Amino acid sequence: MRVVLIAGPDAGHAFPVMALAERFRSAGDEAVVLTGERWWQAGRAARLDVRPLPGLEPRPEDDDADAGQRIHGRAAHMSTQVMPVLTDLAPDLVVADVLTAGGGMAAERCGIPWVELSPHPLYRPSRSLPPLGSGLAPGSGVRGRMRDGVMRRLTARSVRAGTAQRSAARISVGLPALDPGPARRLIATIPALEVPRADWPSEARLVGALLWEPTDTVLDLPSGDEPLVVVAPSTAATGEASTVDVALSAAARSRASGLPVRVAISALEVPGRQHDALPSWAVAGSGRQDVLLRSASAVVCGGGHGMLAKTLSSGVPAVTVPGGGDQWELANRAARQGSSIPVSPPDVDALARALARVLREPSFRRAARRAAAGADAVRDPVAVCRSVLAGRA
């Protein structure tokens, strides 16, 4: 089977596509990745066939303040740019990231079966849940259900506007206004971060987190045997930029109050104090986070899906410092699961207190280990994709 995988250049979307491409390769399939230039070198170093994704360049008419236009309006343009590439590659199947809607639209225009990849929990509206981003648990009892219903009605207008924008984009490239959707939706998260719903789509399959390391470098740890705290600032544009500085100050406060810790700052690019001399108990750099987590007692991160899923899959508890996007939602899901404490806005005292609790109270590590134990109770994404071509459920 030849598969073309399509995703934009953001790490939270490009990395899962790389991970899935490696899965296809291991299964004996041929995988081609179309993505932004930022990750070509890392992907090719991993012996993946990585090629340019056309249509990423911004246009004068693009309005980044309008999320619907950004996703759907650009999708129509991108689909026209991607179609010749698909025609040349002649894949059996296309896998398109949920935010790179032009990939799925191009596949539909070429008559190629396609699958949507959501590199996070299922974020479609549900009659069972409050709106995405609220961070709230589903309401219980009459008042709770009424609260959720009111919130859904308040957001319904935006949902309808997005649907109208998608229909208009489809019509502009000769497709029917009504979107038939993908053959399958791969929901690439761990069960601990998903929320049950009565209206789970029949085409959606929970396939587990698709985690990928863009480097083979292993970061050297600070000397000593004190608990290791891994600090992983967000890779998202909506992430909290001050996480590193606040976490270092909180760690220094913890050490002064009798809780000695070591710190390893692990990031694609280390912000904050990267040019300052770090204390002897801290290191910073880019390295394999999966290896680093084997030694970690706790993680401080933004709450983005990739790092949070990686942390919980390793059985390590977290303190989250959520920024925008879906980070608040995910931080609260992890908190309800029992493996994490959210701190927002970032504050040194609050972060130091949260870190002390996560390190000293065994319940957080037990919850993280429960999340890790259930992380493999998912479907195989390669098998799900093959079932599309075989016509199976």
Protein backbone atom coordinates (compact mmCIF):
# COMPACT_ATOMS: atom_id res chain seq x y z
CA MET A 1 0.00 0.00 0.00
CA ARG A 2 1.26 3.47 -0.87
CA VAL A 3 0.14 6.19 1.54
CA VAL A 4 0.59 9.95 1.34
CA LEU A 5 0.48 11.70 4.73
CA ILE A 6 -0.21 15.45 4.84
CA ALA A 7 0.30 17.90 7.71
CA GLY A 8 1.36 21.49 8.28
CA PRO A 9 4.70 22.45 9.83
CA ASP A 10 3.64 22.90 13.48
CA ALA A 11 5.38 20.30 15.63
CA GLY A 12 2.12 19.17 17.23
CA HIS A 13 0.82 18.15 13.81
CA ALA A 14 3.97 17.29 11.84
CA PHE A 15 5.41 14.94 14.48
CA PRO A 16 2.37 12.61 14.67
CA VAL A 17 2.42 12.30 10.87
CA MET A 18 6.10 11.36 11.02
CA ALA A 19 5.31 8.78 13.71
CA LEU A 20 2.52 7.30 11.61
CA ALA A 21 4.76 7.20 8.54
CA GLU A 22 7.26 5.13 10.55
CA ARG A 23 4.42 2.78 11.52
CA PHE A 24 3.50 2.29 7.86
CA ARG A 25 7.13 1.68 6.93
CA SER A 26 7.51 -0.92 9.68
CA ALA A 27 4.40 -2.66 8.39
CA GLY A 28 5.90 -2.91 4.89
CA ASP A 29 3.94 -0.05 3.32
CA GLU A 30 5.33 2.87 1.33
CA ALA A 31 4.75 6.23 3.02
CA VAL A 32 5.36 9.72 1.64
CA VAL A 33 5.08 12.72 3.99
CA LEU A 34 4.10 16.15 2.68
CA THR A 35 4.82 18.88 5.25
CA GLY A 36 6.52 22.22 5.81
CA GLU A 37 10.22 22.77 5.37
CA ARG A 38 10.99 23.03 9.09
CA TRP A 39 11.02 19.24 9.63
CA TRP A 40 12.37 17.96 6.32
CA GLN A 41 15.88 17.42 7.62
CA ALA A 42 14.77 15.60 10.78
CA GLY A 43 12.32 13.45 8.84
CA ARG A 44 14.88 12.53 6.21
CA ALA A 45 17.44 11.75 8.93
CA ALA A 46 14.89 9.19 10.16
CA ARG A 47 14.92 7.71 6.62
CA LEU A 48 11.42 8.96 5.83
CA ASP A 49 10.39 10.14 2.37
CA VAL A 50 9.57 13.77 3.23
CA ARG A 51 8.58 16.22 0.50
CA PRO A 52 7.29 19.81 0.26
CA LEU A 53 3.62 20.48 0.99
CA PRO A 54 2.45 23.04 -1.59
CA GLY A 55 0.00 25.77 -0.70
CA LEU A 56 1.42 26.72 2.71
CA GLU A 57 2.48 30.18 1.63
CA PRO A 58 0.19 32.92 3.04
CA ARG A 59 -1.92 34.89 0.56
CA PRO A 60 -2.95 38.56 0.80
CA GLU A 61 -6.60 37.57 1.20
CA ASP A 62 -5.94 35.21 4.14
CA ASP A 63 -7.33 36.36 7.49
CA ASP A 64 -5.51 34.60 10.32
CA ALA A 65 -7.87 36.17 12.87
CA ASP A 66 -10.72 34.13 11.39
CA ALA A 67 -10.08 30.47 12.27
CA GLY A 68 -12.77 29.21 9.91
CA GLN A 69 -11.38 31.13 6.95
CA ARG A 70 -7.84 30.09 7.89
CA ILE A 71 -8.77 26.40 7.84
CA HIS A 72 -11.38 26.21 5.07
CA GLY A 73 -10.51 29.10 2.76
CA ARG A 74 -6.89 28.06 2.58
CA ALA A 75 -7.95 24.43 2.23
CA ALA A 76 -9.58 25.08 -1.11
CA HIS A 77 -6.46 26.83 -2.40
CA MET A 78 -4.15 24.15 -1.02
CA SER A 79 -6.22 21.34 -2.53
CA THR A 80 -5.63 22.77 -5.99
CA GLN A 81 -1.89 22.91 -5.30
CA VAL A 82 -1.76 19.38 -3.87
CA MET A 83 -3.77 17.65 -6.59
CA PRO A 84 -0.89 17.42 -9.12
CA VAL A 85 1.34 15.92 -6.41
CA LEU A 86 -1.24 13.25 -5.62
CA THR A 87 -1.75 12.55 -9.30
CA ASP A 88 1.99 12.03 -9.71
CA LEU A 89 2.38 9.85 -6.59
CA ALA A 90 -0.82 7.85 -7.24
CA PRO A 91 -1.32 6.72 -3.62
CA ASP A 92 -3.83 4.11 -2.54
CA LEU A 93 -4.75 6.23 0.48
CA VAL A 94 -4.27 9.76 1.82
CA VAL A 95 -4.00 10.58 5.53
CA ALA A 96 -4.61 14.29 6.17
CA ASP A 97 -4.12 16.13 9.46
CA VAL A 98 -7.31 17.62 10.86
CA LEU A 99 -6.00 21.19 10.46
CA THR A 100 -4.63 20.59 6.97
CA ALA A 101 -8.08 20.28 5.46
CA GLY A 102 -6.74 20.89 1.96
CA GLY A 103 -5.16 17.44 2.00
CA GLY A 104 -8.47 15.68 2.42
CA MET A 105 -10.14 17.99 -0.07
CA ALA A 106 -7.44 17.24 -2.65
CA ALA A 107 -7.87 13.51 -2.11
CA GLU A 108 -11.62 13.82 -2.58
CA ARG A 109 -11.12 15.79 -5.79
CA CYS A 110 -8.74 13.10 -7.07
CA GLY A 111 -11.09 10.28 -6.11
CA ILE A 112 -8.63 8.81 -3.60
CA PRO A 113 -9.89 7.35 -0.29
CA TRP A 114 -8.73 9.43 2.64
CA VAL A 115 -8.49 9.31 6.41
CA GLU A 116 -8.38 12.23 8.83
CA LEU A 117 -5.76 12.28 11.57
CA SER A 118 -6.57 14.13 14.81
CA PRO A 119 -3.29 14.28 16.77
CA HIS A 120 -5.22 14.85 20.02
CA PRO A 121 -8.61 13.88 21.50
CA LEU A 122 -11.75 14.11 19.39
CA TYR A 123 -12.67 17.80 19.32
CA ARG A 124 -15.96 17.64 17.44
CA PRO A 125 -18.97 19.17 19.27
CA SER A 126 -21.04 16.71 21.27
CA ARG A 127 -24.46 16.76 22.89
CA SER A 128 -22.82 14.93 25.82
CA LEU A 129 -20.13 17.52 26.60
CA PRO A 130 -19.65 21.20 27.34
CA PRO A 131 -17.98 23.11 24.50
CA LEU A 132 -14.34 22.37 23.83
CA GLY A 133 -11.95 24.73 25.58
CA SER A 134 -14.06 25.28 28.70
CA GLY A 135 -12.02 22.73 30.62
CA LEU A 136 -15.21 21.66 32.38
CA ALA A 137 -16.26 18.12 33.12
CA PRO A 138 -19.60 17.06 31.62
CA GLY A 139 -22.37 18.46 33.79
CA SER A 140 -24.26 16.09 36.07
CA GLY A 141 -27.82 16.39 37.28
CA VAL A 142 -30.42 18.77 35.93
CA ARG A 143 -28.41 21.93 36.59
CA GLY A 144 -25.23 20.52 35.11
CA ARG A 145 -26.98 19.40 31.92
CA MET A 146 -28.72 22.76 31.65
CA ARG A 147 -25.36 24.54 32.01
CA ASP A 148 -23.86 22.47 29.22
CA GLY A 149 -26.90 23.03 27.00
CA VAL A 150 -26.72 26.80 27.45
CA MET A 151 -22.99 26.81 26.68
CA ARG A 152 -23.52 24.72 23.56
CA ARG A 153 -26.19 27.12 22.32
CA LEU A 154 -23.84 30.06 22.85
CA THR A 155 -21.18 28.41 20.69
CA ALA A 156 -23.56 26.97 18.07
CA ARG A 157 -23.40 30.14 15.99
CA SER A 158 -19.64 29.76 15.55
CA VAL A 159 -20.07 26.09 14.62
CA ARG A 160 -22.66 27.00 11.99
CA ALA A 161 -20.39 29.72 10.61
CA GLY A 162 -17.54 27.24 10.24
CA THR A 163 -19.80 24.76 8.46
CA ALA A 164 -20.92 27.50 6.05
CA GLN A 165 -17.30 28.48 5.38
CA ARG A 166 -16.39 24.87 4.63
CA SER A 167 -19.35 24.54 2.24
CA ALA A 168 -18.37 27.73 0.44
CA ALA A 169 -14.77 26.53 0.13
CA ARG A 170 -15.91 23.21 -1.29
CA ILE A 171 -18.20 24.83 -3.83
CA SER A 172 -15.37 27.11 -4.96
CA VAL A 173 -13.38 24.08 -6.18
CA GLY A 174 -16.28 22.20 -7.70
CA LEU A 175 -17.16 19.87 -4.81
CA PRO A 176 -20.68 19.42 -3.38
CA ALA A 177 -21.51 21.78 -0.52
CA LEU A 178 -22.24 18.87 1.83
CA ASP A 179 -18.98 17.37 3.09
CA PRO A 180 -19.15 13.55 3.21
CA GLY A 181 -16.13 13.52 5.51
CA PRO A 182 -13.27 11.03 5.67
CA ALA A 183 -13.58 7.27 5.52
CA ARG A 184 -12.11 7.09 9.04
CA ARG A 185 -10.98 9.48 11.74
CA LEU A 186 -7.84 8.44 13.59
CA ILE A 187 -8.08 9.87 17.11
CA ALA A 188 -4.45 9.81 18.19
CA THR A 189 -4.61 10.17 21.94
CA ILE A 190 -4.45 7.92 25.00
CA PRO A 191 -7.68 6.77 26.68
CA ALA A 192 -6.85 8.77 29.83
CA LEU A 193 -7.23 12.05 27.89
CA GLU A 194 -10.38 11.13 25.97
CA VAL A 195 -13.90 11.80 27.27
CA PRO A 196 -16.77 9.35 26.68
CA ARG A 197 -19.69 10.68 24.65
CA ALA A 198 -23.01 9.24 23.53
CA ASP A 199 -22.51 10.49 19.97
CA TRP A 200 -19.05 9.12 19.23
CA PRO A 201 -18.79 9.14 15.40
CA SER A 202 -19.10 5.70 13.82
CA GLU A 203 -16.04 6.37 11.64
CA ALA A 204 -13.76 7.45 14.54
CA ARG A 205 -11.15 5.08 15.96
CA LEU A 206 -9.03 5.68 19.06
CA VAL A 207 -5.50 4.73 17.95
CA GLY A 208 -3.27 6.00 20.76
CA ALA A 209 -0.83 8.89 20.81
CA LEU A 210 1.52 9.11 17.81
CA LEU A 211 4.78 10.27 19.38
CA TRP A 212 7.94 11.08 17.46
CA GLU A 213 11.38 12.36 18.45
CA PRO A 214 13.04 14.78 15.97
CA THR A 215 16.54 14.02 17.26
CA ASP A 216 18.71 11.13 18.42
CA THR A 217 20.64 13.33 20.88
CA VAL A 218 20.36 12.38 24.56
CA LEU A 219 20.56 15.28 26.99
CA ASP A 220 23.10 14.90 29.81
CA LEU A 221 21.46 15.15 33.25
CA PRO A 222 22.60 17.34 36.14
CA SER A 223 24.72 15.42 38.62
CA GLY A 224 23.12 14.15 41.81
CA ASP A 225 20.28 11.84 42.83
CA GLU A 226 17.61 14.41 43.72
CA PRO A 227 14.23 14.13 41.94
CA LEU A 228 14.48 15.20 38.31
CA VAL A 229 11.95 17.72 37.03
CA VAL A 230 11.70 17.93 33.24
CA VAL A 231 10.60 21.35 31.98
CA ALA A 232 9.18 21.25 28.45
CA PRO A 233 7.94 24.61 27.16
CA SER A 234 5.14 24.57 24.62
CA THR A 235 5.92 24.30 20.92
CA ALA A 236 2.60 25.99 20.04
CA ALA A 237 2.31 29.67 19.16
CA THR A 238 -0.42 29.92 21.80
CA GLY A 239 1.77 28.42 24.52
CA GLU A 240 2.82 30.23 27.69
CA ALA A 241 6.17 31.85 26.88
CA SER A 242 7.35 32.31 30.49
CA THR A 243 7.19 28.64 31.51
CA VAL A 244 10.97 28.11 31.64
CA ASP A 245 11.77 31.16 33.77
CA VAL A 246 8.88 30.53 36.17
CA ALA A 247 9.75 26.84 36.48
CA LEU A 248 13.41 27.58 37.24
CA SER A 249 12.43 30.10 39.90
CA ALA A 250 9.94 27.63 41.38
CA ALA A 251 12.61 24.91 41.46
CA ALA A 252 15.02 27.29 43.22
CA ARG A 253 12.31 28.06 45.77
CA SER A 254 11.66 24.35 46.28
CA ARG A 255 15.35 23.74 46.93
CA ALA A 256 15.46 26.61 49.42
CA SER A 257 12.44 25.21 51.28
CA GLY A 258 13.90 21.73 51.72
CA LEU A 259 12.79 19.97 48.55
CA PRO A 260 15.96 19.67 46.45
CA VAL A 261 15.31 18.99 42.81
CA ARG A 262 17.28 18.86 39.60
CA VAL A 263 15.93 20.41 36.40
CA ALA A 264 16.32 19.41 32.77
CA ILE A 265 14.89 21.91 30.29
CA SER A 266 14.05 20.03 27.12
CA ALA A 267 12.83 21.95 24.09
CA LEU A 268 13.27 22.39 20.38
CA GLU A 269 14.47 25.89 21.19
CA VAL A 270 15.07 26.78 24.84
CA PRO A 271 13.58 30.21 25.61
CA GLY A 272 13.99 32.44 28.65
CA ARG A 273 17.39 31.93 30.29
CA GLN A 274 18.98 30.10 27.40
CA HIS A 275 21.77 32.67 27.20
CA ASP A 276 22.26 32.97 30.96
CA ALA A 277 24.39 30.72 33.14
CA LEU A 278 22.17 28.01 34.58
CA PRO A 279 22.64 26.84 38.18
CA SER A 280 24.64 23.65 38.68
CA TRP A 281 21.45 21.68 39.30
CA ALA A 282 19.92 22.53 35.89
CA VAL A 283 20.70 21.76 32.26
CA ALA A 284 19.04 22.84 29.02
CA GLY A 285 19.08 21.60 25.47
CA SER A 286 17.37 19.63 22.75
CA GLY A 287 17.29 15.87 23.20
CA ARG A 288 15.09 12.79 23.13
CA GLN A 289 12.30 13.39 25.58
CA ASP A 290 11.29 9.73 25.73
CA VAL A 291 14.72 8.89 27.14
CA LEU A 292 14.64 11.86 29.52
CA LEU A 293 11.28 10.81 30.94
CA ARG A 294 12.73 7.49 32.11
CA SER A 295 14.59 9.43 34.81
CA ALA A 296 11.89 12.03 35.54
CA SER A 297 9.93 12.34 38.77
CA ALA A 298 7.70 15.13 37.40
CA VAL A 299 7.21 17.24 34.30
CA VAL A 300 6.35 20.92 33.97
CA CYS A 301 4.80 21.58 30.57
CA GLY A 302 2.28 23.76 28.79
CA GLY A 303 -0.38 21.09 28.52
CA GLY A 304 -0.10 20.64 24.77
CA HIS A 305 -1.22 17.20 23.69
CA GLY A 306 2.11 15.83 22.47
CA MET A 307 4.09 16.44 25.64
CA LEU A 308 1.21 15.64 27.99
CA ALA A 309 0.47 12.33 26.26
CA LYS A 310 4.18 11.49 26.23
CA THR A 311 4.45 12.29 29.94
CA LEU A 312 1.44 10.23 31.00
CA SER A 313 2.38 7.35 28.70
CA SER A 314 5.66 7.23 30.67
CA GLY A 315 3.77 7.11 33.98
CA VAL A 316 5.11 10.51 35.10
CA PRO A 317 2.87 13.12 36.78
CA ALA A 318 2.79 16.71 35.54
CA VAL A 319 2.30 20.31 36.50
CA THR A 320 0.75 22.12 33.55
CA VAL A 321 1.06 25.83 32.76
CA PRO A 322 -1.56 26.05 30.00
CA GLY A 323 -1.66 28.76 27.40
CA GLY A 324 -4.30 29.12 24.70
CA GLY A 325 -5.68 26.73 22.13
CA ASP A 326 -6.62 23.37 23.60
CA GLN A 327 -4.09 23.49 26.43
CA TRP A 328 -6.60 24.57 29.08
CA GLU A 329 -8.94 21.74 28.06
CA LEU A 330 -6.20 19.12 28.20
CA ALA A 331 -4.73 20.43 31.46
CA ASN A 332 -8.09 20.06 33.15
CA ARG A 333 -8.70 16.60 31.72
CA ALA A 334 -5.37 15.45 33.16
CA ALA A 335 -6.22 17.09 36.50
CA ARG A 336 -9.55 15.25 36.66
CA GLN A 337 -7.73 12.02 35.87
CA GLY A 338 -5.58 12.73 38.92
CA SER A 339 -2.13 12.89 37.33
CA SER A 340 -1.63 16.64 37.07
CA ILE A 341 -2.13 20.07 38.64
CA PRO A 342 -2.79 23.08 36.38
CA VAL A 343 -1.24 26.43 37.32
CA SER A 344 -2.66 29.45 35.52
CA PRO A 345 -1.58 32.18 35.24
CA PRO A 346 2.09 31.22 35.72
CA ASP A 347 3.20 32.16 39.22
CA VAL A 348 6.37 31.11 41.02
CA ASP A 349 4.73 30.43 44.41
CA ALA A 350 1.80 28.54 42.90
CA LEU A 351 4.09 26.46 40.70
CA ALA A 352 6.41 25.64 43.63
CA ARG A 353 3.42 24.49 45.71
CA ALA A 354 2.06 22.38 42.85
CA LEU A 355 5.47 20.83 42.23
CA ALA A 356 5.82 19.93 45.91
CA ARG A 357 2.42 18.19 45.88
CA VAL A 358 3.13 16.24 42.72
CA LEU A 359 6.50 15.07 44.06
CA ARG A 360 5.39 14.30 47.61
CA GLU A 361 1.86 12.90 47.21
CA PRO A 362 1.88 9.35 45.79
CA SER A 363 -1.62 9.69 44.31
CA PHE A 364 -0.32 11.72 41.36
CA ARG A 365 2.22 9.09 40.32
CA ARG A 366 -0.35 6.33 40.80
CA ALA A 367 -2.75 8.16 38.48
CA ALA A 368 -0.01 8.69 35.89
CA ARG A 369 0.83 5.00 36.02
CA ARG A 370 -2.84 4.15 35.50
CA ALA A 371 -2.80 6.36 32.41
CA ALA A 372 0.33 4.59 31.16
CA ALA A 373 -1.17 1.16 31.82
CA GLY A 374 -4.18 1.98 29.64
CA ALA A 375 -2.29 3.75 26.86
CA ASP A 376 -2.15 0.64 24.65
CA ALA A 377 -5.87 -0.17 24.86
CA VAL A 378 -6.35 1.29 21.37
CA ARG A 379 -6.66 0.27 17.71
CA ASP A 380 -3.70 -0.10 15.37
CA PRO A 381 -3.79 2.93 13.02
CA VAL A 382 -2.17 1.00 10.16
CA ALA A 383 -4.80 -1.73 10.42
CA VAL A 384 -7.55 0.90 10.51
CA CYS A 385 -6.20 2.47 7.32
CA ARG A 386 -5.90 -0.89 5.59
CA SER A 387 -9.51 -1.65 6.51
CA VAL A 388 -10.60 1.35 4.45
CA LEU A 389 -9.17 -0.18 1.29
CA ALA A 390 -10.48 -3.62 2.23
CA GLY A 391 -13.97 -2.22 2.79
CA ARG A 392 -14.11 -3.51 6.37
CA ALA A 393 -15.41 -1.74 9.49
